[in-house]
C-alpha atoms as a PDB file:
ATOM      1  CA  UNK A   1      -6.960 -14.673 -55.621  1.00  0.00           C
ATOM      2  CA  UNK A   2     -10.175 -12.700 -55.160  1.00  0.00           C
ATOM      3  CA  UNK A   3      -9.985  -9.022 -54.189  1.00  0.00           C
ATOM      4  CA  UNK A   4     -12.081  -9.784 -51.102  1.00  0.00           C
ATOM      5  CA  UNK A   5      -9.418 -12.271 -49.991  1.00  0.00           C
ATOM      6  CA  UNK A   6      -6.953  -9.388 -49.718  1.00  0.00           C
ATOM      7  CA  UNK A   7      -9.348  -7.566 -47.392  1.00  0.00           C
ATOM      8  CA  UNK A   8      -9.464 -10.592 -45.080  1.00  0.00           C
ATOM      9  CA  UNK A   9      -5.860  -9.854 -44.131  1.00  0.00           C
ATOM     10  CA  UNK A  10      -7.034  -6.723 -42.287  1.00  0.00           C
ATOM     11  CA  UNK A  11      -7.169  -7.129 -38.506  1.00  0.00           C
ATOM     12  CA  UNK A  12      -9.631  -4.288 -37.832  1.00  0.00           C
ATOM     13  CA  UNK A  13     -11.770  -1.525 -39.325  1.00  0.00           C
ATOM     14  CA  UNK A  14      -8.930   1.013 -39.108  1.00  0.00           C
ATOM     15  CA  UNK A  15      -6.867  -1.022 -41.587  1.00  0.00           C
ATOM     16  CA  UNK A  16      -9.872  -2.199 -43.614  1.00  0.00           C
ATOM     17  CA  UNK A  17     -11.015   1.309 -44.611  1.00  0.00           C
ATOM     18  CA  UNK A  18      -7.830   2.328 -46.467  1.00  0.00           C
ATOM     19  CA  UNK A  19      -7.634  -1.135 -48.055  1.00  0.00           C
ATOM     20  CA  UNK A  20     -11.207  -0.693 -49.340  1.00  0.00           C
ATOM     21  CA  UNK A  21     -10.394   2.783 -50.650  1.00  0.00           C
ATOM     22  CA  UNK A  22      -7.401   1.413 -52.532  1.00  0.00           C
ATOM     23  CA  UNK A  23      -9.458  -1.463 -53.939  1.00  0.00           C
ATOM     24  CA  UNK A  24     -12.246   0.874 -55.092  1.00  0.00           C
ATOM     25  CA  UNK A  25     -10.050   3.609 -56.590  1.00  0.00           C
ATOM     26  CA  UNK A  26      -9.891   1.865 -59.975  1.00  0.00           C
ATOM     27  CA  UNK A  27     -13.707   1.802 -60.081  1.00  0.00           C
ATOM     28  CA  UNK A  28     -14.434   5.321 -58.853  1.00  0.00           C
ATOM     29  CA  UNK A  29     -14.603   7.521 -55.817  1.00  0.00           C
ATOM     30  CA  UNK A  30     -16.304   6.210 -52.692  1.00  0.00           C
ATOM     31  CA  UNK A  31     -19.290   8.437 -52.001  1.00  0.00           C
ATOM     32  CA  UNK A  32     -20.293   6.646 -48.801  1.00  0.00           C
ATOM     33  CA  UNK A  33     -18.760   3.926 -46.671  1.00  0.00           C
ATOM     34  CA  UNK A  34     -20.205   2.488 -43.470  1.00  0.00           C
ATOM     35  CA  UNK A  35     -18.672  -0.488 -41.694  1.00  0.00           C
ATOM     36  CA  UNK A  36     -20.338  -2.368 -38.866  1.00  0.00           C
ATOM     37  CA  UNK A  37     -18.550  -5.053 -36.896  1.00  0.00           C
ATOM     38  CA  UNK A  38     -20.010  -8.278 -35.569  1.00  0.00           C
ATOM     39  CA  UNK A  39     -18.946 -11.610 -34.135  1.00  0.00           C
ATOM     40  CA  UNK A  40     -20.186 -14.733 -35.892  1.00  0.00           C
ATOM     41  CA  UNK A  41     -19.221 -18.150 -34.556  1.00  0.00           C
ATOM     42  CA  UNK A  42     -16.102 -16.704 -32.929  1.00  0.00           C
ATOM     43  CA  UNK A  43     -14.992 -14.799 -36.031  1.00  0.00           C
ATOM     44  CA  UNK A  44     -14.863 -11.012 -36.089  1.00  0.00           C
ATOM     45  CA  UNK A  45     -16.588  -9.707 -39.203  1.00  0.00           C
ATOM     46  CA  UNK A  46     -16.922  -6.347 -40.917  1.00  0.00           C
ATOM     47  CA  UNK A  47     -20.204  -5.709 -42.692  1.00  0.00           C
ATOM     48  CA  UNK A  48     -19.455  -3.135 -45.373  1.00  0.00           C
ATOM     49  CA  UNK A  49     -22.053  -0.816 -46.917  1.00  0.00           C
ATOM     50  CA  UNK A  50     -20.663   1.183 -49.798  1.00  0.00           C
ATOM     51  CA  UNK A  51     -21.710   3.610 -52.526  1.00  0.00           C
ATOM     52  CA  UNK A  52     -19.555   4.889 -55.383  1.00  0.00           C
ATOM     53  CA  UNK A  53     -19.943   8.187 -57.206  1.00  0.00           C
ATOM     54  CA  UNK A  54     -21.604   6.616 -60.290  1.00  0.00           C
ATOM     55  CA  UNK A  55     -24.035   3.692 -60.769  1.00  0.00           C
ATOM     56  CA  UNK A  56     -22.113   2.217 -63.712  1.00  0.00           C
ATOM     57  CA  UNK A  57     -18.955   2.114 -61.594  1.00  0.00           C
ATOM     58  CA  UNK A  58     -20.900   0.369 -58.837  1.00  0.00           C
ATOM     59  CA  UNK A  59     -22.006  -2.319 -61.301  1.00  0.00           C
ATOM     60  CA  UNK A  60     -18.388  -2.884 -62.364  1.00  0.00           C
ATOM     61  CA  UNK A  61     -17.268  -3.150 -58.729  1.00  0.00           C
ATOM     62  CA  UNK A  62     -20.067  -5.597 -57.867  1.00  0.00           C
ATOM     63  CA  UNK A  63     -19.124  -7.810 -60.810  1.00  0.00           C
ATOM     64  CA  UNK A  64     -15.440  -7.726 -59.884  1.00  0.00           C
ATOM     65  CA  UNK A  65     -16.097  -8.620 -56.242  1.00  0.00           C
ATOM     66  CA  UNK A  66     -19.028 -10.938 -56.838  1.00  0.00           C
ATOM     67  CA  UNK A  67     -21.235  -9.034 -54.396  1.00  0.00           C
ATOM     68  CA  UNK A  68     -24.692  -7.485 -54.542  1.00  0.00           C
ATOM     69  CA  UNK A  69     -26.913  -4.726 -53.247  1.00  0.00           C
ATOM     70  CA  UNK A  70     -29.110  -4.400 -50.215  1.00  0.00           C
ATOM     71  CA  UNK A  71     -31.230  -1.309 -49.690  1.00  0.00           C
ATOM     72  CA  UNK A  72     -29.522   0.460 -52.592  1.00  0.00           C
ATOM     73  CA  UNK A  73     -26.005   0.002 -51.237  1.00  0.00           C
ATOM     74  CA  UNK A  74     -23.306  -2.478 -52.170  1.00  0.00           C
ATOM     75  CA  UNK A  75     -23.025  -4.853 -49.227  1.00  0.00           C
ATOM     76  CA  UNK A  76     -20.502  -7.541 -48.380  1.00  0.00           C
ATOM     77  CA  UNK A  77     -19.022  -9.191 -45.307  1.00  0.00           C
ATOM     78  CA  UNK A  78     -15.311  -9.528 -44.604  1.00  0.00           C
ATOM     79  CA  UNK A  79     -13.937 -11.901 -41.988  1.00  0.00           C
ATOM     80  CA  UNK A  80     -11.249  -9.939 -40.187  1.00  0.00           C
ATOM     81  CA  UNK A  81      -7.909 -11.515 -39.282  1.00  0.00           C
ATOM     82  CA  UNK A  82      -7.759 -10.508 -35.640  1.00  0.00           C
ATOM     83  CA  UNK A  83      -4.880 -12.930 -35.064  1.00  0.00           C
ATOM     84  CA  UNK A  84      -2.587 -10.248 -36.543  1.00  0.00           C
ATOM     85  CA  UNK A  85      -3.400  -7.962 -33.603  1.00  0.00           C
ATOM     86  CA  UNK A  86      -2.117 -10.495 -31.075  1.00  0.00           C
ATOM     87  CA  UNK A  87       1.064 -11.082 -33.085  1.00  0.00           C
ATOM     88  CA  UNK A  88       1.794  -7.367 -33.329  1.00  0.00           C
ATOM     89  CA  UNK A  89       1.135  -6.795 -29.636  1.00  0.00           C
ATOM     90  CA  UNK A  90       3.432  -9.584 -28.515  1.00  0.00           C
ATOM     91  CA  UNK A  91       6.287  -8.528 -30.768  1.00  0.00           C
ATOM     92  CA  UNK A  92       6.195  -4.908 -29.615  1.00  0.00           C
ATOM     93  CA  UNK A  93       6.292  -5.753 -25.886  1.00  0.00           C
END
């Protein structure tokens, strides 16, 4: 299973951020993280822009995730599992 697949289990940005931090900790410290959300064909997506504290660590992370750069930052898109929000809301009512 790909590391990005694990991130797809996140229902929202609030749960995605700590999951990203945990994923990146073996590569280095996150120096910058910006996450934008969007809807694409009915799927909620998180567009992640990320920088680590060292370029060599960024290269290792990009190879591990199979992602690239855009405008100097590591960029990738995660489809969020917003179905988990509905399940949690109905079980707590």
